[in-house]
């Protein structure tokens, strides 16, 4: 990932069956000292199958680096707890056993928040979609047919996709037989929130955490202005579609930029839990709200819902705005999105 001094260019190309949301927010520390004596310090690490960058402004290098390390510890913690790629994570144990007793409160929190977004989106966001994702992955992996699943296979697998099949009894969680869940559409945002809260506890008032496109920003940047985040043009021209400015807010983007170049690129890493097929109405959905977990989940939700339903959902929620790029390359904004935009230099 390349860094820029002032503008964060986002939206990496995605692989066909990647579970990661599209988006990249990054900001490289400047080399000069601010009037108030603080300097920017940053570090990037490969965690949660993505690049995570943390930057803080501080007047003490030792304190800044320790704060960054403690914030990264929170992201490692979430990964160890919620990764679907780690056999020893609580999420994997839940999927393997079909139940989990005395689940970690943070896992319960994320699952319950996921259920909320399933309810408000009428199932467009559904973490029990893992069997469908596994089915598509099996077709396009070595040994697979490299052909889409048959309608019969889709319909049979869809019987295992229903968020109401997740049951809570205090800290105990259970799934219906043969169901499994994946929380890549919300866990990275949650990890960014936990890292930000760690920074705040350490007295950091300005900085950001970017977890693979799920970014949360606090305070002001090294120029004592709101943080600037660019949304890259899907034609990869190097320019940004728009520039956002954020302070004490979060942003996340989900999408399939391969659709911009080829109508044949129908297989998205984001599938519609209601149909079992890839979501293809939009190229991307970008959501701004006050925390990264909600931004993460809503970006995926809007991408699945599409233009009309997605905008309706966002307009029904307080403190949430979105920008979408449609399949025919139109840019559509929610009613209050423009308050986060700044004019680009010509």
Protein backbone atom coordinates (compact mmCIF):
# COMPACT_ATOMS: atom_id res chain seq x y z
CA UNK A 1 0.00 0.00 0.00
CA UNK A 2 1.40 3.40 -0.97
CA UNK A 3 0.96 6.38 1.35
CA UNK A 4 0.36 10.02 0.47
CA UNK A 5 1.08 13.00 2.71
CA UNK A 6 -2.32 14.64 2.63
CA UNK A 7 -4.83 12.59 0.66
CA UNK A 8 -5.80 9.02 1.41
CA UNK A 9 -6.54 7.18 -1.80
CA UNK A 10 -8.87 4.25 -1.38
CA UNK A 11 -10.66 1.34 -2.92
CA UNK A 12 -8.25 -1.44 -3.82
CA UNK A 13 -9.21 -3.91 -6.51
CA UNK A 14 -10.72 -7.00 -4.99
CA UNK A 15 -10.27 -10.66 -5.81
CA UNK A 16 -13.31 -12.53 -7.00
CA UNK A 17 -13.99 -14.39 -3.81
CA UNK A 18 -12.15 -12.32 -1.24
CA UNK A 19 -14.08 -11.73 1.96
CA UNK A 20 -12.45 -8.37 2.54
CA UNK A 21 -14.37 -5.18 1.97
CA UNK A 22 -12.96 -2.84 -0.64
CA UNK A 23 -11.43 0.40 0.52
CA UNK A 24 -8.19 1.85 1.65
CA UNK A 25 -7.63 4.84 3.88
CA UNK A 26 -4.08 5.71 4.73
CA UNK A 27 -2.17 8.80 5.78
CA UNK A 28 1.59 9.12 5.96
CA UNK A 29 3.06 11.14 8.79
CA UNK A 30 4.57 14.47 7.90
CA UNK A 31 8.14 15.30 8.82
CA UNK A 32 7.59 18.68 10.41
CA UNK A 33 6.69 19.81 13.92
CA UNK A 34 3.35 21.43 14.66
CA UNK A 35 2.91 24.70 16.47
CA UNK A 36 1.66 22.94 19.60
CA UNK A 37 4.75 20.71 19.75
CA UNK A 38 3.20 17.48 18.56
CA UNK A 39 4.48 15.32 15.71
CA UNK A 40 2.85 12.53 13.71
CA UNK A 41 3.93 8.92 14.30
CA UNK A 42 2.60 5.96 12.37
CA UNK A 43 3.02 2.24 11.82
CA UNK A 44 1.50 -0.32 9.43
CA UNK A 45 1.16 -4.06 10.01
CA UNK A 46 -0.34 -7.03 8.18
CA UNK A 47 -3.25 -8.20 10.37
CA UNK A 48 -6.69 -9.68 9.70
CA UNK A 49 -5.58 -10.55 6.17
CA UNK A 50 -5.14 -6.86 5.35
CA UNK A 51 -2.88 -3.88 6.03
CA UNK A 52 -3.68 -1.95 9.19
CA UNK A 53 -2.23 1.53 9.69
CA UNK A 54 -2.32 3.53 12.88
CA UNK A 55 -1.17 7.14 13.14
CA UNK A 56 -1.17 9.45 16.14
CA UNK A 57 -0.10 13.01 16.85
CA UNK A 58 1.90 13.30 20.07
CA UNK A 59 4.61 15.43 21.68
CA UNK A 60 6.48 12.39 23.03
CA UNK A 61 7.81 9.69 20.70
CA UNK A 62 8.04 7.01 23.38
CA UNK A 63 4.46 7.61 24.48
CA UNK A 64 3.23 7.69 20.87
CA UNK A 65 4.85 4.38 19.93
CA UNK A 66 3.65 2.66 23.10
CA UNK A 67 0.14 3.92 22.40
CA UNK A 68 0.30 2.60 18.86
CA UNK A 69 1.52 -0.79 20.09
CA UNK A 70 -1.30 -1.04 22.61
CA UNK A 71 -3.82 -0.13 19.90
CA UNK A 72 -2.41 -2.87 17.66
CA UNK A 73 -2.82 -5.29 20.56
CA UNK A 74 -6.56 -4.63 20.41
CA UNK A 75 -6.63 -5.52 16.71
CA UNK A 76 -4.68 -8.73 17.34
CA UNK A 77 -7.18 -9.50 20.08
CA UNK A 78 -10.15 -9.14 17.73
CA UNK A 79 -8.41 -11.22 15.07
CA UNK A 80 -7.65 -14.01 17.55
CA UNK A 81 -11.26 -13.97 18.70
CA UNK A 82 -13.23 -13.52 15.48
CA UNK A 83 -11.13 -14.79 12.58
CA UNK A 84 -12.74 -17.44 10.39
CA UNK A 85 -9.24 -18.48 9.24
CA UNK A 86 -7.94 -19.38 12.71
CA UNK A 87 -9.04 -22.80 13.91
CA UNK A 88 -8.68 -21.74 17.55
CA UNK A 89 -10.76 -18.55 17.36
CA UNK A 90 -14.08 -18.53 19.20
CA UNK A 91 -15.82 -17.90 15.90
CA UNK A 92 -14.28 -21.03 14.35
CA UNK A 93 -15.14 -23.08 17.41
CA UNK A 94 -18.73 -21.86 17.18
CA UNK A 95 -18.89 -22.81 13.51
CA UNK A 96 -17.33 -26.20 14.14
CA UNK A 97 -19.42 -27.16 17.16
CA UNK A 98 -22.61 -25.31 16.34
CA UNK A 99 -22.60 -23.82 19.83
CA UNK A 100 -20.34 -21.85 22.14
CA UNK A 101 -20.76 -21.59 25.89
CA UNK A 102 -19.50 -18.58 27.86
CA UNK A 103 -18.66 -16.67 24.70
CA UNK A 104 -16.45 -13.63 24.94
CA UNK A 105 -18.58 -10.49 25.48
CA UNK A 106 -16.96 -8.79 22.48
CA UNK A 107 -17.98 -11.64 20.19
CA UNK A 108 -21.50 -11.51 21.59
CA UNK A 109 -21.54 -7.74 20.99
CA UNK A 110 -20.53 -8.09 17.35
CA UNK A 111 -23.00 -10.90 16.69
CA UNK A 112 -25.86 -8.99 18.29
CA UNK A 113 -25.02 -5.86 16.29
CA UNK A 114 -24.93 -8.02 13.16
CA UNK A 115 -28.42 -9.27 13.99
CA UNK A 116 -29.59 -5.66 14.25
CA UNK A 117 -28.41 -4.89 10.73
CA UNK A 118 -29.98 -8.09 9.46
CA UNK A 119 -33.29 -6.92 10.87
CA UNK A 120 -33.19 -3.33 9.57
CA UNK A 121 -32.10 -4.51 6.11
CA UNK A 122 -34.62 -7.36 5.85
CA UNK A 123 -31.80 -9.87 5.55
CA UNK A 124 -29.55 -8.02 3.10
CA UNK A 125 -26.86 -8.16 5.78
CA UNK A 126 -26.61 -11.69 7.14
CA UNK A 127 -23.54 -13.21 8.75
CA UNK A 128 -24.90 -16.74 8.24
CA UNK A 129 -24.01 -16.37 4.55
CA UNK A 130 -20.83 -18.44 4.98
CA UNK A 131 -22.27 -21.62 3.35
CA UNK A 132 -23.06 -19.61 0.20
CA UNK A 133 -19.61 -18.05 0.14
CA UNK A 134 -18.05 -21.49 0.62
CA UNK A 135 -20.14 -22.87 -2.24
CA UNK A 136 -19.00 -20.17 -4.66
CA UNK A 137 -15.42 -20.49 -3.46
CA UNK A 138 -15.45 -24.24 -4.09
CA UNK A 139 -16.48 -23.66 -7.70
CA UNK A 140 -13.66 -21.21 -8.43
CA UNK A 141 -10.87 -22.92 -6.49
CA UNK A 142 -8.45 -25.57 -7.78
CA UNK A 143 -10.44 -28.71 -8.43
CA UNK A 144 -13.64 -26.77 -8.92
CA UNK A 145 -15.72 -26.52 -12.06
CA UNK A 146 -14.95 -22.79 -12.60
CA UNK A 147 -18.64 -22.50 -13.39
CA UNK A 148 -21.32 -20.91 -11.21
CA UNK A 149 -23.25 -23.16 -8.85
CA UNK A 150 -26.46 -24.58 -10.26
CA UNK A 151 -29.78 -23.07 -9.16
CA UNK A 152 -30.43 -26.31 -7.28
CA UNK A 153 -27.15 -25.99 -5.38
CA UNK A 154 -27.90 -22.36 -4.57
CA UNK A 155 -31.40 -23.10 -3.31
CA UNK A 156 -30.24 -26.04 -1.21
CA UNK A 157 -27.47 -23.99 0.38
CA UNK A 158 -29.77 -21.01 1.01
CA UNK A 159 -31.68 -23.19 3.47
CA UNK A 160 -28.66 -22.76 5.76
CA UNK A 161 -28.69 -18.94 5.48
CA UNK A 162 -30.98 -17.24 7.97
CA UNK A 163 -29.84 -14.92 10.73
CA UNK A 164 -32.78 -16.04 12.88
CA UNK A 165 -30.93 -19.34 13.25
CA UNK A 166 -28.52 -17.67 15.68
CA UNK A 167 -29.72 -18.03 19.27
CA UNK A 168 -28.44 -16.34 22.43
CA UNK A 169 -28.92 -17.55 25.98
CA UNK A 170 -26.93 -15.12 28.06
CA UNK A 171 -23.32 -15.62 26.96
CA UNK A 172 -24.12 -18.93 25.26
CA UNK A 173 -24.54 -18.95 21.48
CA UNK A 174 -25.98 -21.68 19.28
CA UNK A 175 -26.57 -22.15 15.56
CA UNK A 176 -29.06 -24.30 13.70
CA UNK A 177 -27.57 -27.58 12.37
CA UNK A 178 -25.01 -27.15 9.57
CA UNK A 179 -25.13 -23.35 9.73
CA UNK A 180 -21.95 -21.27 9.93
CA UNK A 181 -21.17 -17.59 10.14
CA UNK A 182 -18.58 -15.13 8.88
CA UNK A 183 -18.15 -11.63 10.29
CA UNK A 184 -15.57 -10.12 7.95
CA UNK A 185 -18.16 -7.46 7.05
CA UNK A 186 -18.18 -6.02 10.55
CA UNK A 187 -15.22 -7.33 12.61
CA UNK A 188 -12.55 -5.13 11.02
CA UNK A 189 -14.64 -2.09 11.82
CA UNK A 190 -15.02 -3.29 15.39
CA UNK A 191 -11.25 -3.75 15.66
CA UNK A 192 -10.71 -0.17 14.45
CA UNK A 193 -13.11 1.08 17.11
CA UNK A 194 -11.34 -0.87 19.85
CA UNK A 195 -7.97 0.47 18.71
CA UNK A 196 -9.27 4.05 18.73
CA UNK A 197 -10.67 3.62 22.24
CA UNK A 198 -7.26 2.32 23.33
CA UNK A 199 -5.59 5.42 21.88
CA UNK A 200 -8.05 7.66 23.70
CA UNK A 201 -7.34 5.90 27.00
CA UNK A 202 -3.67 6.68 26.40
CA UNK A 203 -4.49 10.36 26.04
CA UNK A 204 -4.25 10.51 22.23
CA UNK A 205 -6.65 13.14 20.88
CA UNK A 206 -5.66 13.16 17.19
CA UNK A 207 -5.00 10.21 14.93
CA UNK A 208 -6.60 7.45 12.93
CA UNK A 209 -6.87 3.70 12.53
CA UNK A 210 -7.32 2.14 9.11
CA UNK A 211 -8.14 -1.56 9.13
CA UNK A 212 -8.21 -2.59 5.48
CA UNK A 213 -10.48 0.22 4.39
CA UNK A 214 -12.43 0.69 7.59
CA UNK A 215 -11.08 3.97 8.91
CA UNK A 216 -11.88 5.92 12.05
CA UNK A 217 -10.47 9.40 12.59
CA UNK A 218 -10.22 11.49 15.75
CA UNK A 219 -9.17 15.10 16.22
CA UNK A 220 -7.30 16.99 13.51
CA UNK A 221 -4.40 16.10 11.22
CA UNK A 222 -0.86 17.53 11.31
CA UNK A 223 -2.08 20.61 9.44
CA UNK A 224 -4.67 21.16 12.18
CA UNK A 225 -7.46 20.41 9.71
CA UNK A 226 -9.94 17.53 9.48
CA UNK A 227 -8.42 14.37 8.04
CA UNK A 228 -8.68 14.14 4.25
CA UNK A 229 -9.73 10.87 2.62
CA UNK A 230 -9.90 10.36 -1.13
CA UNK A 231 -12.19 7.92 -2.90
CA UNK A 232 -10.26 6.65 -5.91
CA UNK A 233 -11.81 6.75 -9.35
CA UNK A 234 -12.64 3.19 -10.44
CA UNK A 235 -10.94 3.78 -13.80
CA UNK A 236 -7.65 3.91 -11.84
CA UNK A 237 -6.80 7.26 -13.40
CA UNK A 238 -5.00 8.27 -10.22
CA UNK A 239 -7.47 10.98 -9.32
CA UNK A 240 -10.11 10.80 -6.61
CA UNK A 241 -13.84 10.73 -7.29
CA UNK A 242 -14.35 12.89 -4.23
CA UNK A 243 -12.34 14.05 -1.23
CA UNK A 244 -13.89 13.69 2.21
CA UNK A 245 -12.86 15.52 5.36
CA UNK A 246 -13.55 13.82 8.67
CA UNK A 247 -12.99 14.49 12.34
CA UNK A 248 -14.29 12.14 15.02
CA UNK A 249 -16.01 10.06 12.35
CA UNK A 250 -15.52 6.76 10.52
CA UNK A 251 -15.76 5.70 6.89
CA UNK A 252 -15.90 2.33 5.13
CA UNK A 253 -16.26 1.27 1.50
CA UNK A 254 -17.46 -2.00 0.01
CA UNK A 255 -17.44 -2.78 -3.68
CA UNK A 256 -16.41 -4.69 -6.75
CA UNK A 257 -14.27 -2.51 -9.01
CA UNK A 258 -13.79 -5.31 -11.52
CA UNK A 259 -17.34 -4.51 -12.64
CA UNK A 260 -16.10 -1.17 -13.92
CA UNK A 261 -13.92 -2.82 -16.53
CA UNK A 262 -15.88 -5.88 -17.54
CA UNK A 263 -19.56 -6.79 -17.46
CA UNK A 264 -18.36 -10.40 -17.42
CA UNK A 265 -16.93 -9.94 -13.91
CA UNK A 266 -20.18 -11.03 -12.30
CA UNK A 267 -18.67 -12.93 -9.40
CA UNK A 268 -18.31 -10.55 -6.46
CA UNK A 269 -16.84 -11.19 -3.05
CA UNK A 270 -20.11 -9.78 -1.70
CA UNK A 271 -23.14 -12.00 -2.23
CA UNK A 272 -26.78 -11.30 -1.52
CA UNK A 273 -27.87 -13.54 1.37
CA UNK A 274 -31.43 -13.43 0.08
CA UNK A 275 -30.64 -14.86 -3.37
CA UNK A 276 -27.28 -16.59 -3.05
CA UNK A 277 -25.89 -14.70 -6.04
CA UNK A 278 -23.29 -11.95 -6.27
CA UNK A 279 -24.43 -8.39 -5.77
CA UNK A 280 -23.86 -6.60 -9.08
CA UNK A 281 -26.05 -3.48 -9.05
CA UNK A 282 -23.33 -1.25 -7.59
CA UNK A 283 -19.62 -0.78 -8.09
CA UNK A 284 -19.11 0.57 -4.59
CA UNK A 285 -20.83 1.89 -1.49
CA UNK A 286 -19.12 4.29 0.94
CA UNK A 287 -20.65 5.00 4.34
CA UNK A 288 -19.77 7.66 6.91
CA UNK A 289 -20.94 7.46 10.50
CA UNK A 290 -19.52 7.91 13.99
CA UNK A 291 -18.00 4.45 14.45
CA UNK A 292 -16.19 2.00 12.21
CA UNK A 293 -18.22 -1.09 13.10
CA UNK A 294 -21.46 0.46 11.88
CA UNK A 295 -19.77 2.01 8.84
CA UNK A 296 -18.33 -1.40 7.95
CA UNK A 297 -21.64 -3.25 8.25
CA UNK A 298 -23.64 -0.53 6.49
CA UNK A 299 -21.27 -0.30 3.53
CA UNK A 300 -21.79 -4.02 2.90
CA UNK A 301 -25.52 -3.68 3.47
CA UNK A 302 -25.94 -0.79 1.02
CA UNK A 303 -23.84 -2.61 -1.58
CA UNK A 304 -26.20 -5.57 -1.37
CA UNK A 305 -29.39 -3.50 -1.29
CA UNK A 306 -28.49 -1.43 -4.32
CA UNK A 307 -29.22 2.17 -5.19
CA UNK A 308 -32.85 2.71 -4.25
CA UNK A 309 -33.17 0.49 -1.20
CA UNK A 310 -29.70 1.44 0.02
CA UNK A 311 -30.42 5.17 -0.03
CA UNK A 312 -33.78 4.62 1.68
CA UNK A 313 -32.08 2.70 4.49
CA UNK A 314 -29.38 5.34 4.99
CA UNK A 315 -31.92 8.17 5.03
CA UNK A 316 -33.82 6.32 7.79
CA UNK A 317 -30.77 6.25 10.09
CA UNK A 318 -29.57 9.20 12.15
CA UNK A 319 -25.98 10.36 11.73
CA UNK A 320 -25.28 8.18 8.67
CA UNK A 321 -24.47 9.26 5.10
CA UNK A 322 -23.39 7.36 2.01
CA UNK A 323 -22.11 7.71 -1.53
CA UNK A 324 -22.61 4.96 -4.10
CA UNK A 325 -21.21 4.35 -7.56
CA UNK A 326 -23.78 2.51 -9.62
CA UNK A 327 -23.15 -0.22 -12.15
CA UNK A 328 -23.64 2.34 -14.95
CA UNK A 329 -21.04 4.56 -13.23
CA UNK A 330 -23.33 7.22 -11.80
CA UNK A 331 -22.48 8.78 -8.42
CA UNK A 332 -25.40 9.00 -6.00
CA UNK A 333 -25.23 10.67 -2.58
CA UNK A 334 -27.48 10.59 0.45
CA UNK A 335 -29.01 13.93 1.38
CA UNK A 336 -26.31 14.99 3.84
CA UNK A 337 -23.19 13.49 2.33
CA UNK A 338 -21.99 16.73 0.77
CA UNK A 339 -21.19 18.22 4.19
CA UNK A 340 -18.20 15.86 4.32
CA UNK A 341 -16.90 16.74 0.85
CA UNK A 342 -14.34 19.36 -0.07
CA UNK A 343 -13.64 20.82 -3.47
CA UNK A 344 -10.68 19.29 -5.27
CA UNK A 345 -7.89 21.33 -6.78
CA UNK A 346 -8.24 21.57 -10.52
